[in-house]
Every structure is written in structure tokens, then in C-alpha cells.
Amino acid sequence: MKKGVSDLKKAMPLTHISKIATGIVVLLVLLTAMLVTDSRFTVLDDEAQITTAARAPAEETVKLFVWGAGQHEHPPLSDLVLHYWLPFASNPTLLRLPFILLYGAALLLFAMLARQFGGDAAFLALLVMGAFWSFGFHFGRMVGWYSFTFFAVALVTLAYVHWLRQPDWTRWWFLIGASALLVLSNYFGWAILGLLSIDAVFVLGWRRAYKFFVAGTLVLAAVYAPLWRVFSQELHSGISFSANELVTRTVYAAYNAYVLFVSESVAPWYWHFSIPISLAIALCLISTCLLLNRSRALAFLAYFGGLFLFMLASGILNVKRLLFITGWLLVPIAVAVAQRGRARLVLVFALISIAISGATGTIARKYYASLHFIEPWYQIALEAAPLVRNGTSIVTNSPSFLFYLNRVLDPDALPGFIENSHVVFLDADKVFTGFGGPVFFVRGTNINAIHETAEAQSWLGLNCTLLSTDVRMIDTAYALKKRYFKQLVESPYRIVLESYRCP
């Protein structure tokens, strides 16, 4: 009997090491897969614009926030990191490399957080979930603030939990440092800190917590001083919904929740996929709540739900912003997977079903809800490059197209998009004055330049001769989107190429 107990004690550390090591291997495989497959995912308009802006001197970026109205709808910290990385980014995959690594680091931190609530099994569960999470596989690679803030939330939350277990000043100042990183990379990091403050009051009581709050608030307010004006302006921005607001918001919330689990790789209007997926999502949430009925992790699931509803109510909810808050969803689910009970089998089955569906959509590339990840802008840039070299002028509303055109025409140039006397990017409030000679008009889906794109098309139609039109990537779900989102200003054609001869 004594020998058996001794063997058990020796086996326990080995089991612990095995789960940790397995989780690390899973994470490394995920990061490798993201890097190897990165060329299959187009650099999006947001990424191209963020990258182009990051080419400006760092002091100019800082001045935009100190003296101006800011840029990109987020604070400048991630842009400054990108600025210093650009000289090393000779291709799109290298450009995305730091952000893919930050995404992996965030998953590791969230796994460490899950371990605080559910042990080694929760640690491993979170990393396995992250490896098969189609949404993260798409958005975790994006250039800019996306994975940067995902990492910052992970760091803040883990620092907070460690401080909560031993509320001393050493751990508190580390938490404040992580909090500064968060709010300097995302305006709505303040919402995260607000929820954690409320949580601390519930756990510690106001008398123990208030002195930490006063000190932390003073420090963060001072650090954030240059951004308060820009932050107040950002609070007034959001989506304007149609008159049928309740229906629109309900559909919009359901769509974002659906995409959060399975990504945009499987659109909800492919009913033979989306109905089972939706049922699996519902089972996942229900079983998680049942398994966590006495777990501290359940609070973070509630906080995630509160943040989701806050973003919806304030009009800032959209797919690209979801990564920011999803760590607080992943951790409770991972902890639930580590629990015992019949509901665990249901949860695991639901997660496997969702993962298989997302992977199927990603590999098939024909069920996407939004086509921006698979738009062939690199191929179109290859087609356009000889025209440019032969003297054809370019007019376009697509930052992604110009990003790839810049790379094709000058592989040694810094990443970003070009604009010169023969290349015009149709941006907001930009007047198109026309061209003479051959013109290649490349229209993508840019909701920020709808009016400017229409004006350019009108000018070319009135003053030039249309030689040819080529339509790429018709959005077959356009009518369905228009039905539920009256404010939709996209075109049913994702890409339209027109050649003109102008006098």
C-alpha cells in the first residue's frame, strides 16, 4: 500500500509536466500553422491603412493624439510598435509575425489564468481550444491593435488574479503597468478595468480596495493625460442603426456571437451548416454555465456577456473588435472542460462540432460570410503592374489592392500602399480631378469612400470611353444582408475592374 502511494506521488508531477508540455506543443503547432498558411489570407483594408500610417515618423503619430484627433479609432501604442517593425517586414507574413506571436503569447497567458481556476486540465483545454478556434485563426494574425490588445487583456487579467490572491503593493504596481499597456492600446480598455474594479470590491470589500484604487487611478489618469480629449471624441462614435432598431440590433448581435465561435468562414445563411453550429453554440454556453455553477471563472463569463451587450448598445460592436473581449469567454469554457459531470461530454461534443465546421469553411473557402480574407488582391496587383509600367493610371478605393501593388512594383519598399501622380486612392473627402490617357479603375468594398468612389465613376463615365469591365467575387448573400441591415452600403460585387481611355 505504501509503495502504491509513493508511486502515485511520483506520477502526479509527471502528469502535471505532461499536460503543460502538451499544451506548449499544441501552441507551437498553432503558431507554425498560422505562419505557413498566412499567404492564403489577404491583407485587409484596415491592415493596409494601419501599416501605411505607421510609416510616418513616430513623433508625428504621437502629435496626432496630443494635438489632434488621433487615428484608426484606437490609441497609438500598437502603431508605434508597428512603426519600428516595418524595416524588418519584407513580406506580408513577416509583417504579421509580431502580431501572430502576440496572439500566441495571449493564449498562453489565458491558459495560465484558466489553470488558476481549473488546474492543469484547464490549461491544456484552453490551448487546444485556441488551436482549433477558427475565429482566432483569422483575426489573431491581423496587423494592428487586434492581437496586441488581446495580449494586453490577458496580461491585465492574470496580473489582477495574482494580486487578488495576495493584495500587496508590489503586485498592484505590476497590475497598474499592465493596465497602462491596455488603455494605451485600446480606448475601451477602461471598460475592462472598470469591471475588474467592481469585481475587486465584491471579493475584497471597499475598505481593503479603495487605497489601491485611488493610487492606481491617479497614476493611470496621469499616464493617459494626452489622450483624454481623443478618448472623449471616440465615445461619441458608433453604428447608426435603422428605424427598425430592435430587429437590426438583435440580428446584428446574433451574427457577431455566431462569428465569434465559428468565424466568418461559414456564413449563417448556409443553413445546413449554421443550424447545427448555432445549436452547438447554445449547448456550449448552457453546459459551461452548468459546469461552473460554483466556480470563480463563471464571473468572467458574466463580464464577457456584459461587455458584449455594452458594445452592442453603444454601437461599437463589430466582428473585428470581438477579439478584444474573447479571452474572458475562452477561460470559463476551458475551466468548464476541466470539470466533471455529464454536461462536460455535451460541452466537448459541441466544441468539436464547432471546430470541425470552422476548419471545413476555412479549407473550402466557399462559405465565407465576408469575403475580405480571400479577396484576390495580390493576383489583381500582378495583373495591374504591367499596365502601370506602360503608363496606365490607377484609380482605386481599395487599400488592400494598393498594398499589394506597392509590393509588386517595388519589393524593397516599406510595407504600405502607394499614391503618386499616376496612382489615386479614393479616400474620404478626397476630390477626384481626373486623368488623361489610359485609366484602370479598381473598385473594392470600401464603405468609408462610397461617395468619392461614385464621383470618380461618374467622372470617368462622362469624360472617358469604357473599354472593358471585369467583375470578380459576386456577393451571393447581398440581398439577404440588405434585408436585415438597411444601412448597408456595400455593393453586390466585391471587386469591379474597368479599363478606360481618357482624352
Protein backbone atom coordinates (compact mmCIF):
# COMPACT_ATOMS: atom_id res chain seq x y z
CA MET A 1 0.00 0.00 0.00
CA LYS A 2 2.83 2.38 0.91
CA LYS A 3 4.54 1.60 -2.36
CA GLY A 4 1.36 2.41 -4.28
CA VAL A 5 1.03 5.79 -2.56
CA SER A 6 4.68 6.53 -3.27
CA ASP A 7 4.24 5.66 -6.95
CA LEU A 8 1.17 7.90 -7.11
CA LYS A 9 3.12 10.84 -5.68
CA LYS A 10 5.83 10.32 -8.27
CA ALA A 11 3.30 10.05 -11.08
CA MET A 12 1.48 13.28 -10.22
CA PRO A 13 4.37 15.61 -11.13
CA LEU A 14 4.84 13.67 -14.36
CA THR A 15 1.16 14.13 -15.18
CA HIS A 16 1.47 17.83 -14.41
CA ILE A 17 4.53 18.20 -16.64
CA SER A 18 2.89 16.17 -19.39
CA LYS A 19 -0.17 18.42 -19.60
CA ILE A 20 1.89 21.61 -19.56
CA ALA A 21 4.29 20.29 -22.17
CA THR A 22 1.43 19.06 -24.37
CA GLY A 23 -0.20 22.48 -24.19
CA ILE A 24 3.03 24.23 -25.20
CA VAL A 25 3.49 21.84 -28.14
CA VAL A 26 -0.10 22.50 -29.26
CA LEU A 27 0.56 26.25 -29.10
CA LEU A 28 3.74 25.96 -31.15
CA VAL A 29 1.95 23.87 -33.78
CA LEU A 30 -0.79 26.53 -33.97
CA LEU A 31 1.72 29.36 -34.48
CA THR A 32 3.54 27.33 -37.13
CA ALA A 33 0.25 26.66 -38.95
CA MET A 34 -0.66 30.36 -38.85
CA LEU A 35 2.69 31.32 -40.37
CA VAL A 36 2.68 28.60 -43.02
CA THR A 37 -0.87 29.39 -44.17
CA ASP A 38 -0.65 33.16 -43.88
CA SER A 39 -0.29 33.79 -47.62
CA ARG A 40 -3.78 32.32 -48.09
CA PHE A 41 -5.32 35.22 -46.16
CA THR A 42 -5.42 38.63 -47.82
CA VAL A 43 -4.06 41.71 -46.08
CA LEU A 44 -7.28 43.59 -45.28
CA ASP A 45 -8.06 47.26 -45.88
CA ASP A 46 -7.67 48.07 -42.18
CA GLU A 47 -4.29 46.36 -42.07
CA ALA A 48 -3.11 48.20 -45.17
CA GLN A 49 -4.19 51.58 -43.82
CA ILE A 50 -2.70 50.96 -40.37
CA THR A 51 0.56 49.84 -41.97
CA THR A 52 0.71 52.86 -44.28
CA ALA A 53 0.10 55.26 -41.41
CA ALA A 54 2.79 53.53 -39.34
CA ARG A 55 5.39 54.55 -41.94
CA ALA A 56 5.17 58.13 -40.64
CA PRO A 57 7.79 59.24 -38.10
CA ALA A 58 6.90 58.19 -34.56
CA GLU A 59 6.81 61.79 -33.32
CA GLU A 60 4.18 62.66 -35.94
CA THR A 61 1.99 59.78 -34.76
CA VAL A 62 2.28 60.97 -31.16
CA LYS A 63 1.40 64.55 -32.16
CA LEU A 64 -1.82 63.32 -33.80
CA PHE A 65 -3.01 62.30 -30.35
CA VAL A 66 -1.50 65.09 -28.27
CA TRP A 67 -2.66 67.94 -30.53
CA GLY A 68 -5.12 66.37 -32.95
CA ALA A 69 -8.00 63.92 -33.18
CA GLY A 70 -6.00 60.69 -33.23
CA GLN A 71 -6.30 57.99 -35.88
CA HIS A 72 -7.56 54.43 -36.51
CA GLU A 73 -10.12 54.50 -33.63
CA HIS A 74 -7.50 53.29 -31.13
CA PRO A 75 -4.59 54.76 -29.13
CA PRO A 76 -1.11 54.82 -30.69
CA LEU A 77 0.88 52.20 -28.76
CA SER A 78 0.40 49.33 -31.23
CA ASP A 79 1.08 51.73 -34.13
CA LEU A 80 4.40 52.74 -32.60
CA VAL A 81 5.38 49.08 -32.19
CA LEU A 82 4.47 48.50 -35.84
CA HIS A 83 6.47 51.56 -36.93
CA TYR A 84 9.69 50.09 -35.58
CA TRP A 85 8.94 46.66 -37.03
CA LEU A 86 8.34 47.82 -40.64
CA PRO A 87 12.01 47.77 -41.73
CA PHE A 88 12.10 44.03 -40.98
CA ALA A 89 8.79 43.22 -42.74
CA SER A 90 9.82 42.31 -46.28
CA ASN A 91 6.60 40.38 -47.00
CA PRO A 92 3.04 40.21 -45.58
CA THR A 93 3.77 37.17 -43.39
CA LEU A 94 6.76 38.89 -41.76
CA LEU A 95 4.60 41.99 -41.36
CA ARG A 96 2.10 39.92 -39.39
CA LEU A 97 4.71 37.93 -37.45
CA PRO A 98 4.81 40.08 -34.26
CA PHE A 99 1.03 40.05 -34.03
CA ILE A 100 0.79 36.29 -34.56
CA LEU A 101 3.35 35.86 -31.77
CA LEU A 102 1.39 38.25 -29.53
CA TYR A 103 -1.73 36.21 -30.20
CA GLY A 104 0.11 33.04 -29.16
CA ALA A 105 1.50 34.75 -26.05
CA ALA A 106 -2.01 35.89 -25.12
CA LEU A 107 -3.35 32.35 -25.44
CA LEU A 108 -0.56 31.17 -23.15
CA LEU A 109 -1.41 33.83 -20.55
CA PHE A 110 -5.11 32.99 -20.71
CA ALA A 111 -4.20 29.31 -20.30
CA MET A 112 -2.23 30.25 -17.17
CA LEU A 113 -5.31 32.11 -15.96
CA ALA A 114 -7.53 29.10 -16.64
CA ARG A 115 -5.06 26.98 -14.65
CA GLN A 116 -5.68 29.24 -11.63
CA PHE A 117 -9.35 28.19 -11.70
CA GLY A 118 -9.28 24.67 -13.14
CA GLY A 119 -5.79 23.23 -12.80
CA ASP A 120 -3.57 21.71 -15.48
CA ALA A 121 -6.53 20.24 -17.36
CA ALA A 122 -7.95 23.75 -17.89
CA PHE A 123 -4.51 24.98 -19.04
CA LEU A 124 -4.35 22.28 -21.69
CA ALA A 125 -8.01 22.71 -22.64
CA LEU A 126 -7.60 26.40 -23.37
CA LEU A 127 -4.58 25.90 -25.62
CA VAL A 128 -6.29 23.08 -27.52
CA MET A 129 -9.40 25.25 -27.92
CA GLY A 130 -7.22 28.13 -29.12
CA ALA A 131 -5.53 25.87 -31.65
CA PHE A 132 -8.87 24.89 -33.21
CA TRP A 133 -10.61 28.26 -32.80
CA SER A 134 -11.31 29.42 -36.34
CA PHE A 135 -12.12 32.99 -35.32
CA GLY A 136 -8.74 33.43 -33.63
CA PHE A 137 -7.00 31.71 -36.56
CA HIS A 138 -8.31 34.50 -38.80
CA PHE A 139 -8.25 37.61 -36.62
CA GLY A 140 -5.29 36.73 -34.41
CA ARG A 141 -2.97 37.29 -37.38
CA MET A 142 -4.13 40.79 -38.30
CA VAL A 143 -1.72 43.72 -38.30
CA GLY A 144 -2.51 46.44 -35.77
CA TRP A 145 -4.18 46.58 -32.39
CA TYR A 146 -6.19 43.33 -32.57
CA SER A 147 -3.88 40.70 -31.04
CA PHE A 148 -1.97 43.48 -29.23
CA THR A 149 -5.00 44.31 -27.10
CA PHE A 150 -5.90 40.62 -26.79
CA PHE A 151 -2.48 40.17 -25.20
CA ALA A 152 -2.91 43.26 -23.01
CA VAL A 153 -6.24 41.99 -21.63
CA ALA A 154 -4.62 38.62 -20.88
CA LEU A 155 -1.74 40.28 -19.04
CA VAL A 156 -4.03 42.57 -17.03
CA THR A 157 -6.40 39.75 -16.05
CA LEU A 158 -3.63 37.38 -14.98
CA ALA A 159 -1.92 40.18 -13.00
CA TYR A 160 -5.25 41.02 -11.38
CA VAL A 161 -5.93 37.43 -10.28
CA HIS A 162 -2.42 37.16 -8.79
CA TRP A 163 -2.89 40.46 -6.96
CA LEU A 164 -6.30 39.38 -5.70
CA ARG A 165 -4.76 36.32 -4.07
CA GLN A 166 -2.19 38.47 -2.28
CA PRO A 167 -3.19 42.17 -2.40
CA ASP A 168 0.17 43.85 -1.81
CA TRP A 169 1.70 46.93 -3.44
CA THR A 170 4.32 45.03 -5.44
CA ARG A 171 1.70 43.04 -7.33
CA TRP A 172 -0.53 46.09 -7.56
CA TRP A 173 2.08 48.18 -9.38
CA PHE A 174 2.66 45.36 -11.85
CA LEU A 175 -1.09 45.35 -12.46
CA ILE A 176 -1.06 49.12 -13.00
CA GLY A 177 1.76 48.76 -15.53
CA ALA A 178 -0.21 46.14 -17.43
CA SER A 179 -3.30 48.37 -17.22
CA ALA A 180 -1.38 51.27 -18.75
CA LEU A 181 -0.38 48.98 -21.63
CA LEU A 182 -4.06 48.12 -22.13
CA VAL A 183 -5.57 51.61 -22.12
CA LEU A 184 -2.77 52.95 -24.35
CA SER A 185 -3.67 50.34 -26.95
CA ASN A 186 -7.49 50.39 -26.78
CA TYR A 187 -9.85 53.15 -25.66
CA PHE A 188 -12.28 50.66 -24.22
CA GLY A 189 -9.64 49.09 -22.04
CA TRP A 190 -11.20 51.33 -19.40
CA ALA A 191 -14.30 49.11 -19.51
CA ILE A 192 -12.11 46.10 -18.69
CA LEU A 193 -10.53 47.93 -15.76
CA GLY A 194 -13.94 49.10 -14.55
CA LEU A 195 -15.28 45.54 -14.39
CA LEU A 196 -12.17 44.32 -12.59
CA SER A 197 -12.56 47.15 -10.08
CA ILE A 198 -16.14 46.13 -9.38
CA ASP A 199 -15.00 42.53 -9.04
CA ALA A 200 -12.31 43.54 -6.53
CA VAL A 201 -14.86 45.36 -4.38
CA PHE A 202 -17.05 42.24 -4.30
CA VAL A 203 -14.11 39.99 -3.37
CA LEU A 204 -12.09 42.24 -1.02
CA GLY A 205 -14.60 44.80 0.12
CA TRP A 206 -14.38 48.56 -0.36
CA ARG A 207 -12.30 49.20 2.77
CA ARG A 208 -9.44 46.99 1.61
CA ALA A 209 -9.65 48.01 -2.03
CA TYR A 210 -10.11 51.81 -2.02
CA LYS A 211 -6.49 52.80 -1.29
CA PHE A 212 -5.30 50.71 -4.25
CA PHE A 213 -7.98 52.26 -6.46
CA VAL A 214 -7.04 55.82 -5.53
CA ALA A 215 -3.34 55.25 -6.23
CA GLY A 216 -3.99 53.37 -9.46
CA THR A 217 -6.50 55.93 -10.75
CA LEU A 218 -4.10 58.81 -10.17
CA VAL A 219 -1.25 57.04 -11.98
CA LEU A 220 -3.36 55.93 -14.96
CA ALA A 221 -5.02 59.34 -15.27
CA ALA A 222 -1.59 60.98 -15.44
CA VAL A 223 -0.27 58.46 -17.98
CA TYR A 224 -3.40 58.89 -20.08
CA ALA A 225 -3.41 62.70 -19.93
CA PRO A 226 -2.53 63.27 -23.64
CA LEU A 227 -5.38 61.01 -24.76
CA TRP A 228 -8.36 62.22 -22.72
CA ARG A 229 -9.63 64.57 -25.44
CA VAL A 230 -9.35 61.94 -28.17
CA PHE A 231 -10.98 59.40 -25.86
CA SER A 232 -13.99 61.65 -25.25
CA GLN A 233 -14.44 62.07 -29.01
CA GLU A 234 -14.30 58.31 -29.54
CA LEU A 235 -17.10 57.78 -27.02
CA HIS A 236 -19.47 59.59 -29.37
CA SER A 237 -18.76 57.34 -32.37
CA GLY A 238 -20.74 54.22 -33.21
CA ILE A 239 -23.01 52.48 -35.68
CA SER A 240 -26.23 54.22 -36.70
CA PHE A 241 -28.99 51.65 -36.86
CA SER A 242 -32.14 51.86 -38.97
CA ALA A 243 -35.61 52.71 -37.78
CA ASN A 244 -36.36 49.04 -37.09
CA GLU A 245 -33.65 49.19 -34.43
CA LEU A 246 -34.69 46.28 -32.22
CA VAL A 247 -34.73 43.75 -35.06
CA THR A 248 -31.49 45.12 -36.51
CA ARG A 249 -29.64 45.01 -33.20
CA THR A 250 -30.93 41.51 -32.44
CA VAL A 251 -29.81 40.16 -35.80
CA TYR A 252 -26.51 42.01 -35.52
CA ALA A 253 -25.84 40.63 -32.03
CA ALA A 254 -26.72 37.09 -33.11
CA TYR A 255 -24.44 37.35 -36.14
CA ASN A 256 -21.48 38.60 -34.10
CA ALA A 257 -21.97 35.89 -31.47
CA TYR A 258 -22.15 33.25 -34.19
CA VAL A 259 -18.99 34.51 -35.91
CA LEU A 260 -17.17 34.69 -32.58
CA PHE A 261 -17.38 30.90 -32.26
CA VAL A 262 -17.04 29.69 -35.84
CA SER A 263 -15.52 32.74 -37.64
CA GLU A 264 -16.67 34.22 -40.95
CA SER A 265 -15.55 31.07 -42.79
CA VAL A 266 -19.08 29.59 -42.54
CA ALA A 267 -21.84 32.11 -43.21
CA PRO A 268 -25.09 31.76 -41.22
CA TRP A 269 -27.15 31.65 -44.43
CA TYR A 270 -25.72 28.24 -45.32
CA TRP A 271 -28.44 26.67 -43.20
CA HIS A 272 -27.23 23.08 -43.37
CA PHE A 273 -24.10 24.28 -41.57
CA SER A 274 -25.33 27.17 -39.46
CA ILE A 275 -28.30 25.49 -37.76
CA PRO A 276 -26.17 22.69 -36.24
CA ILE A 277 -23.46 25.23 -35.43
CA SER A 278 -25.96 27.52 -33.67
CA LEU A 279 -27.30 24.59 -31.66
CA ALA A 280 -23.73 23.64 -30.73
CA ILE A 281 -23.03 27.22 -29.60
CA ALA A 282 -26.17 27.20 -27.43
CA LEU A 283 -25.19 23.83 -25.91
CA CYS A 284 -21.68 25.13 -25.31
CA LEU A 285 -22.90 28.14 -23.33
CA ILE A 286 -25.54 26.22 -21.38
CA SER A 287 -23.21 23.38 -20.41
CA THR A 288 -20.48 25.86 -19.45
CA CYS A 289 -22.84 27.63 -17.06
CA LEU A 290 -23.97 24.33 -15.55
CA LEU A 291 -20.42 23.12 -15.02
CA LEU A 292 -19.28 26.42 -13.50
CA ASN A 293 -22.12 26.90 -11.04
CA ARG A 294 -19.63 27.19 -8.14
CA SER A 295 -16.52 28.29 -9.98
CA ARG A 296 -14.92 31.73 -9.81
CA ALA A 297 -14.48 31.54 -13.60
CA LEU A 298 -18.22 32.00 -14.05
CA ALA A 299 -17.81 35.67 -13.10
CA PHE A 300 -15.64 36.25 -16.16
CA LEU A 301 -18.26 34.68 -18.40
CA ALA A 302 -20.76 37.16 -16.95
CA TYR A 303 -18.30 40.03 -17.51
CA PHE A 304 -17.83 38.93 -21.11
CA GLY A 305 -21.59 39.00 -21.61
CA GLY A 306 -21.76 42.47 -20.08
CA LEU A 307 -19.02 43.76 -22.38
CA PHE A 308 -20.72 42.23 -25.42
CA LEU A 309 -24.03 43.92 -24.57
CA PHE A 310 -22.25 47.21 -23.79
CA MET A 311 -20.55 47.17 -27.19
CA LEU A 312 -23.86 46.40 -28.86
CA ALA A 313 -25.73 49.16 -27.03
CA SER A 314 -23.03 51.76 -27.69
CA GLY A 315 -22.90 50.91 -31.40
CA ILE A 316 -19.25 49.82 -31.47
CA LEU A 317 -19.83 46.08 -31.80
CA ASN A 318 -18.39 44.57 -34.95
CA VAL A 319 -16.52 41.42 -35.86
CA LYS A 320 -13.03 42.92 -35.86
CA ARG A 321 -13.50 44.25 -32.30
CA LEU A 322 -14.58 40.92 -30.83
CA LEU A 323 -11.06 39.54 -30.27
CA PHE A 324 -10.52 42.24 -27.65
CA ILE A 325 -13.01 40.68 -25.20
CA THR A 326 -12.95 36.99 -26.11
CA GLY A 327 -10.33 35.92 -23.59
CA TRP A 328 -13.00 36.25 -20.90
CA LEU A 329 -15.10 33.77 -22.87
CA LEU A 330 -12.34 31.26 -23.57
CA VAL A 331 -11.20 30.97 -19.94
CA PRO A 332 -14.59 29.94 -18.46
CA ILE A 333 -15.17 27.42 -21.26
CA ALA A 334 -11.70 25.91 -20.71
CA VAL A 335 -12.33 25.68 -16.96
CA ALA A 336 -15.69 24.02 -17.65
CA VAL A 337 -13.99 21.42 -19.87
CA ALA A 338 -11.77 20.54 -16.91
CA GLN A 339 -14.77 19.86 -14.64
CA ARG A 340 -16.52 16.55 -14.05
CA GLY A 341 -20.13 15.89 -14.90
CA ARG A 342 -22.44 14.78 -17.71
CA ALA A 343 -22.59 18.29 -19.09
CA ARG A 344 -18.85 18.04 -19.84
CA LEU A 345 -19.49 15.46 -22.57
CA VAL A 346 -22.05 17.78 -24.15
CA LEU A 347 -19.60 20.68 -23.98
CA VAL A 348 -16.74 18.73 -25.55
CA PHE A 349 -19.02 17.45 -28.32
CA ALA A 350 -20.27 21.00 -29.03
CA LEU A 351 -16.72 22.40 -29.16
CA ILE A 352 -15.54 19.65 -31.51
CA SER A 353 -18.53 20.25 -33.81
CA ILE A 354 -17.85 23.99 -33.95
CA ALA A 355 -14.12 23.44 -34.55
CA ILE A 356 -14.73 20.99 -37.41
CA SER A 357 -17.23 23.38 -39.02
CA GLY A 358 -14.85 26.33 -38.82
CA ALA A 359 -11.96 24.30 -40.22
CA THR A 360 -14.16 23.00 -43.05
CA GLY A 361 -15.17 26.52 -44.04
CA THR A 362 -11.61 27.78 -43.85
CA ILE A 363 -10.26 24.99 -46.05
CA ALA A 364 -13.16 25.01 -48.55
CA ARG A 365 -13.07 28.84 -48.95
CA LYS A 366 -16.57 28.93 -50.46
CA TYR A 367 -18.83 29.51 -47.45
CA TYR A 368 -17.42 32.80 -46.16
CA ALA A 369 -19.85 35.35 -44.75
CA SER A 370 -17.49 38.22 -45.57
CA LEU A 371 -15.07 37.66 -48.43
CA HIS A 372 -12.37 40.13 -47.41
CA PHE A 373 -9.98 37.43 -46.13
CA ILE A 374 -9.97 35.69 -49.53
CA GLU A 375 -10.22 38.59 -51.99
CA PRO A 376 -7.55 38.07 -54.70
CA TRP A 377 -5.88 41.48 -54.43
CA TYR A 378 -2.36 40.10 -54.88
CA GLN A 379 -3.39 38.46 -58.18
CA ILE A 380 -5.06 41.67 -59.35
CA ALA A 381 -1.91 43.62 -58.42
CA LEU A 382 0.12 41.24 -60.59
CA GLU A 383 -2.27 41.94 -63.48
CA ALA A 384 -2.15 45.69 -62.93
CA ALA A 385 1.63 46.07 -62.54
CA PRO A 386 2.44 45.76 -66.30
CA LEU A 387 -0.26 48.34 -67.06
CA VAL A 388 1.30 50.78 -64.59
CA ARG A 389 4.76 50.25 -66.08
CA ASN A 390 3.31 51.00 -69.54
CA GLY A 391 1.88 54.33 -68.41
CA THR A 392 -1.65 53.44 -67.33
CA SER A 393 -3.02 55.50 -64.43
CA ILE A 394 -4.66 53.74 -61.46
CA VAL A 395 -7.81 54.83 -59.63
CA THR A 396 -8.96 52.71 -56.71
CA ASN A 397 -10.80 52.75 -53.41
CA SER A 398 -9.03 49.63 -52.13
CA PRO A 399 -6.11 50.00 -49.69
CA SER A 400 -5.51 46.24 -49.97
CA PHE A 401 -5.02 46.45 -53.73
CA LEU A 402 -2.57 49.34 -53.38
CA PHE A 403 -0.73 47.48 -50.62
CA TYR A 404 -0.05 44.55 -52.93
CA LEU A 405 0.61 46.80 -55.94
CA ASN A 406 3.29 48.59 -53.95
CA ARG A 407 4.91 45.25 -53.13
CA VAL A 408 4.79 44.05 -56.77
CA LEU A 409 6.20 47.29 -58.19
CA ASP A 410 8.89 47.74 -55.53
CA PRO A 411 9.59 44.64 -53.38
CA ASP A 412 12.21 46.58 -51.38
CA ALA A 413 9.84 49.37 -50.33
CA LEU A 414 8.40 49.59 -46.83
CA PRO A 415 5.02 47.82 -46.49
CA GLY A 416 2.01 50.03 -47.12
CA PHE A 417 0.23 51.43 -50.14
CA ILE A 418 1.49 53.84 -52.75
CA GLU A 419 -0.06 57.03 -54.05
CA ASN A 420 1.54 59.31 -56.62
CA SER A 421 0.67 61.39 -59.68
CA HIS A 422 -0.42 58.25 -61.58
CA VAL A 423 -2.00 56.37 -58.66
CA VAL A 424 -5.01 57.83 -56.82
CA PHE A 425 -6.57 56.32 -53.73
CA LEU A 426 -10.19 57.36 -53.27
CA ASP A 427 -10.33 58.21 -49.60
CA ALA A 428 -12.96 60.04 -47.54
CA ASP A 429 -13.42 63.71 -48.51
CA LYS A 430 -10.99 63.39 -51.41
CA VAL A 431 -11.92 65.05 -54.71
CA PHE A 432 -11.06 63.15 -57.89
CA THR A 433 -9.79 65.60 -60.54
CA GLY A 434 -9.41 63.16 -63.42
CA PHE A 435 -6.72 61.67 -65.63
CA GLY A 436 -5.74 61.73 -69.28
CA GLY A 437 -4.76 58.61 -71.22
CA PRO A 438 -5.43 55.00 -70.23
CA VAL A 439 -7.00 54.50 -66.78
CA PHE A 440 -7.51 51.30 -64.80
CA PHE A 441 -10.33 51.74 -62.27
CA VAL A 442 -10.24 49.16 -59.45
CA ARG A 443 -13.30 49.20 -57.18
CA GLY A 444 -13.44 47.21 -53.98
CA THR A 445 -15.77 47.37 -50.97
CA ASN A 446 -14.74 50.48 -49.07
CA ILE A 447 -17.63 51.84 -47.02
CA ASN A 448 -15.55 54.87 -45.99
CA ALA A 449 -15.36 56.21 -49.56
CA ILE A 450 -18.77 55.40 -51.07
CA HIS A 451 -19.44 58.97 -52.21
CA GLU A 452 -15.90 59.51 -53.52
CA THR A 453 -15.99 56.23 -55.44
CA ALA A 454 -19.31 57.17 -57.05
CA GLU A 455 -17.95 60.59 -58.04
CA ALA A 456 -14.88 59.05 -59.67
CA GLN A 457 -17.02 56.54 -61.55
CA SER A 458 -19.31 59.34 -62.73
CA TRP A 459 -16.36 61.46 -63.93
CA LEU A 460 -14.84 58.55 -65.84
CA GLY A 461 -18.22 57.65 -67.35
CA LEU A 462 -18.82 61.19 -68.58
CA ASN A 463 -15.34 62.06 -69.78
CA CYS A 464 -13.78 58.76 -70.90
CA THR A 465 -14.54 55.73 -73.06
CA LEU A 466 -15.17 52.47 -71.24
CA LEU A 467 -13.12 49.72 -72.89
CA SER A 468 -13.83 46.71 -70.67
CA THR A 469 -15.41 45.60 -67.40
CA ASP A 470 -14.46 42.60 -65.29
CA VAL A 471 -16.45 41.60 -62.20
CA ARG A 472 -14.78 39.47 -59.53
CA MET A 473 -16.31 37.85 -56.45
CA ILE A 474 -20.05 38.44 -56.56
CA ASP A 475 -21.54 38.50 -53.05
CA THR A 476 -24.38 35.98 -53.38
CA ALA A 477 -25.74 36.93 -49.94
CA TYR A 478 -26.08 40.63 -50.74
CA ALA A 479 -29.90 40.60 -50.91
CA LEU A 480 -30.14 38.83 -47.55
CA LYS A 481 -27.74 41.28 -45.91
CA LYS A 482 -29.65 44.24 -47.34
CA ARG A 483 -32.91 42.87 -45.99
CA TYR A 484 -31.75 42.88 -42.36
CA PHE A 485 -29.26 45.75 -42.47
CA LYS A 486 -31.00 48.68 -44.12
CA GLN A 487 -27.94 50.88 -43.56
CA LEU A 488 -25.72 48.53 -45.63
CA VAL A 489 -23.83 50.50 -48.27
CA GLU A 490 -21.82 47.70 -49.83
CA SER A 491 -22.09 46.61 -53.46
CA PRO A 492 -23.17 43.10 -54.55
CA TYR A 493 -19.87 42.98 -56.45
CA ARG A 494 -16.83 42.76 -54.18
CA ILE A 495 -14.41 43.72 -56.97
CA VAL A 496 -15.04 45.51 -60.26
CA LEU A 497 -12.22 46.23 -62.75
CA GLU A 498 -12.81 48.80 -65.51
CA SER A 499 -10.46 49.97 -68.23
CA TYR A 500 -10.96 53.46 -69.70
CA ARG A 501 -9.42 55.60 -72.43
CA CYS A 502 -9.49 59.24 -71.41
CA PRO A 503 -8.72 62.27 -73.65
